[in-house]
Protein backbone atom coordinates (compact mmCIF):
# COMPACT_ATOMS: atom_id res chain seq x y z
CA MET A 1 0.00 0.00 0.00
CA LEU A 2 2.81 2.42 0.86
CA LYS A 3 4.53 1.65 -2.44
CA THR A 4 1.31 2.44 -4.32
CA MET A 5 0.94 5.75 -2.48
CA LEU A 6 4.55 6.73 -3.20
CA ASN A 7 4.16 5.82 -6.87
CA GLY A 8 1.03 7.98 -7.01
CA LEU A 9 2.85 10.92 -5.42
CA VAL A 10 5.78 10.57 -7.82
CA LEU A 11 3.45 10.45 -10.83
CA TYR A 12 1.55 13.47 -9.51
CA GLY A 13 4.81 15.40 -9.11
CA LEU A 14 6.01 14.44 -12.58
CA ARG A 15 2.73 15.61 -14.10
CA ARG A 16 3.03 18.94 -12.27
CA LEU A 17 6.55 19.43 -13.66
CA LYS A 18 5.03 19.58 -17.14
CA GLU A 19 3.07 22.73 -16.26
CA PRO A 20 4.58 26.21 -16.71
CA SER A 21 2.94 27.44 -13.51
CA THR A 22 4.91 24.87 -11.51
CA TRP A 23 8.22 26.11 -12.89
CA SER A 24 7.23 29.75 -12.33
CA GLY A 25 6.17 28.95 -8.78
CA LEU A 26 9.42 27.11 -8.06
CA THR A 27 11.45 29.99 -9.47
CA LEU A 28 9.57 32.57 -7.43
CA GLY A 29 9.80 30.41 -4.30
CA LEU A 30 13.56 30.05 -4.70
CA THR A 31 13.78 33.79 -5.31
CA ALA A 32 11.97 34.43 -2.03
CA LEU A 33 14.39 32.13 -0.21
CA GLY A 34 17.36 33.85 -1.81
CA MET A 35 16.26 37.24 -0.50
CA HIS A 36 17.71 36.33 2.90
CA VAL A 37 21.20 35.74 1.55
CA SER A 38 22.45 39.31 1.37
CA PRO A 39 20.61 42.62 1.72
CA GLU A 40 22.83 44.17 -0.97
CA LEU A 41 21.79 41.56 -3.52
CA THR A 42 18.05 41.59 -2.80
CA GLY A 43 17.12 43.73 -5.82
CA CYS A 44 19.30 41.70 -8.17
CA ILE A 45 17.94 38.37 -6.90
CA GLN A 46 14.36 39.59 -7.25
CA THR A 47 14.94 40.86 -10.78
CA ILE A 48 16.56 37.62 -11.91
CA GLY A 49 13.88 35.47 -10.26
CA ILE A 50 10.92 37.40 -11.63
CA GLY A 51 12.53 37.62 -15.06
CA SER A 52 13.20 33.87 -15.06
CA ALA A 53 9.61 33.11 -14.07
CA GLY A 54 8.34 35.31 -16.88
CA LEU A 55 10.66 33.70 -19.40
CA ILE A 56 9.61 30.20 -18.30
CA THR A 57 5.94 31.13 -18.59
CA PHE A 58 6.55 32.62 -22.03
CA CYS A 59 8.59 29.71 -23.42
CA LEU A 60 6.65 26.70 -22.14
CA PRO A 61 3.34 25.75 -23.73
CA ASP A 62 0.18 25.63 -21.63
CA SER A 63 -0.19 21.91 -22.34
CA PHE A 64 2.09 19.23 -23.68
CA SER A 65 1.10 16.82 -26.45
CA ARG A 66 1.59 13.14 -25.79
């Protein structure tokens, strides 16, 4: 039963990785974590993170063909 549940969670996660919103969310989440690294780099980290999220959203299709 545990193996079935873990397989289901892995499949769920893999399906989510095919969605642009997942990649944008991960990028923005990592950007938020990076804001605590250095106060001097906060603006640069935010700009790179938000720009990366926008680029990911722009480049990836809304749905993938199988």
